[in-house]
C-alpha atoms as a PDB file:
ATOM      1  CA  MET A   1      -4.062  16.691  -0.242  1.00  0.00           C
ATOM      2  CA  THR A   2      -2.316  18.263  -3.195  1.00  0.00           C
ATOM      3  CA  TRP A   3      -2.475  17.272  -6.831  1.00  0.00           C
ATOM      4  CA  LYS A   4      -0.560  18.923  -9.637  1.00  0.00           C
ATOM      5  CA  PRO A   5      -1.241  18.187 -13.285  1.00  0.00           C
ATOM      6  CA  THR A   6       1.537  16.663 -15.343  1.00  0.00           C
ATOM      7  CA  PRO A   7       3.023  19.202 -17.746  1.00  0.00           C
ATOM      8  CA  GLY A   8       1.521  18.819 -21.170  1.00  0.00           C
ATOM      9  CA  MET A   9      -1.901  17.609 -20.031  1.00  0.00           C
ATOM     10  CA  THR A  10      -4.824  19.042 -21.952  1.00  0.00           C
ATOM     11  CA  PRO A  11      -7.570  20.892 -20.075  1.00  0.00           C
ATOM     12  CA  LYS A  12      -9.883  17.896 -20.661  1.00  0.00           C
ATOM     13  CA  GLN A  13      -7.276  15.483 -19.226  1.00  0.00           C
ATOM     14  CA  ILE A  14      -6.761  17.766 -16.228  1.00  0.00           C
ATOM     15  CA  GLU A  15     -10.493  17.915 -15.544  1.00  0.00           C
ATOM     16  CA  LYS A  16     -10.866  14.139 -15.836  1.00  0.00           C
ATOM     17  CA  GLU A  17      -7.923  13.401 -13.517  1.00  0.00           C
ATOM     18  CA  LEU A  18      -8.990  16.060 -11.041  1.00  0.00           C
ATOM     19  CA  ASN A  19     -12.444  14.476 -10.794  1.00  0.00           C
ATOM     20  CA  ARG A  20     -10.779  11.091 -10.245  1.00  0.00           C
ATOM     21  CA  GLN A  21      -8.579  12.514  -7.483  1.00  0.00           C
ATOM     22  CA  VAL A  22     -11.607  14.100  -5.802  1.00  0.00           C
ATOM     23  CA  THR A  23     -13.431  10.757  -5.833  1.00  0.00           C
ATOM     24  CA  LEU A  24     -10.411   8.931  -4.396  1.00  0.00           C
ATOM     25  CA  PHE A  25     -10.030  11.515  -1.653  1.00  0.00           C
ATOM     26  CA  GLU A  26     -13.717  11.358  -0.729  1.00  0.00           C
ATOM     27  CA  GLU A  27     -13.519   7.554  -0.463  1.00  0.00           C
ATOM     28  CA  GLN A  28     -10.435   7.808   1.748  1.00  0.00           C
ATOM     29  CA  VAL A  29     -12.213  10.230   4.060  1.00  0.00           C
ATOM     30  CA  LYS A  30     -15.343   8.047   4.238  1.00  0.00           C
ATOM     31  CA  CYS A  31     -13.237   4.997   5.070  1.00  0.00           C
ATOM     32  CA  SER A  32     -10.927   6.875   7.443  1.00  0.00           C
ATOM     33  CA  THR A  33      -7.917   5.841   5.372  1.00  0.00           C
ATOM     34  CA  THR A  34      -6.386   9.241   4.979  1.00  0.00           C
ATOM     35  CA  HIS A  35      -3.155   7.979   6.544  1.00  0.00           C
ATOM     36  CA  ASP A  36      -0.398   6.648   4.286  1.00  0.00           C
ATOM     37  CA  GLY A  37      -0.691   3.063   5.543  1.00  0.00           C
ATOM     38  CA  ASN A  38       2.118   3.533   8.037  1.00  0.00           C
ATOM     39  CA  ILE A  39       0.351   3.314  11.398  1.00  0.00           C
ATOM     40  CA  ARG A  40       1.433   2.194  14.848  1.00  0.00           C
ATOM     41  CA  LEU A  41      -0.379  -0.664  16.573  1.00  0.00           C
ATOM     42  CA  LYS A  42      -1.671   1.661  19.300  1.00  0.00           C
ATOM     43  CA  GLU A  43      -3.197   4.035  16.723  1.00  0.00           C
ATOM     44  CA  PHE A  44      -4.673   1.117  14.765  1.00  0.00           C
ATOM     45  CA  THR A  45      -6.176  -0.374  17.918  1.00  0.00           C
ATOM     46  CA  ASP A  46      -7.725   2.958  18.891  1.00  0.00           C
ATOM     47  CA  LEU A  47      -9.271   3.324  15.416  1.00  0.00           C
ATOM     48  CA  PHE A  48     -10.518  -0.261  15.421  1.00  0.00           C
ATOM     49  CA  LEU A  49     -12.168   0.108  18.802  1.00  0.00           C
ATOM     50  CA  LYS A  50     -13.754   3.445  17.912  1.00  0.00           C
ATOM     51  CA  ASP A  51     -14.968   2.510  14.413  1.00  0.00           C
ATOM     52  CA  TYR A  52     -15.753  -1.187  14.740  1.00  0.00           C
ATOM     53  CA  ALA A  53     -15.819  -2.673  18.223  1.00  0.00           C
ATOM     54  CA  TYR A  54     -17.650  -0.011  20.254  1.00  0.00           C
ATOM     55  CA  PRO A  55     -20.437   0.629  17.735  1.00  0.00           C
ATOM     56  CA  HIS A  56     -21.083  -3.143  17.642  1.00  0.00           C
ATOM     57  CA  PRO A  57     -21.295  -4.534  21.184  1.00  0.00           C
ATOM     58  CA  LYS A  58     -20.893  -8.286  21.614  1.00  0.00           C
ATOM     59  CA  GLY A  59     -23.927 -10.196  20.495  1.00  0.00           C
ATOM     60  CA  GLN A  60     -25.117  -7.639  17.943  1.00  0.00           C
ATOM     61  CA  ASP A  61     -24.988  -8.298  14.212  1.00  0.00           C
ATOM     62  CA  ARG A  62     -21.944  -6.560  12.690  1.00  0.00           C
ATOM     63  CA  LEU A  63     -23.137  -6.637   9.082  1.00  0.00           C
END
């Protein structure tokens, strides 16, 4: 991931936005949403099975 400050931003604005970008990136990584939203059905199915279906076999509480 790359982020470049907008020309004219103050050092305080840069620091604030950089911290925001770091937080957003960390959330994307935790949620495995680092892709741009453009995903093929096969890839989505593989992710779903790995992250949701297999860790929660039928009959177990998924919450």
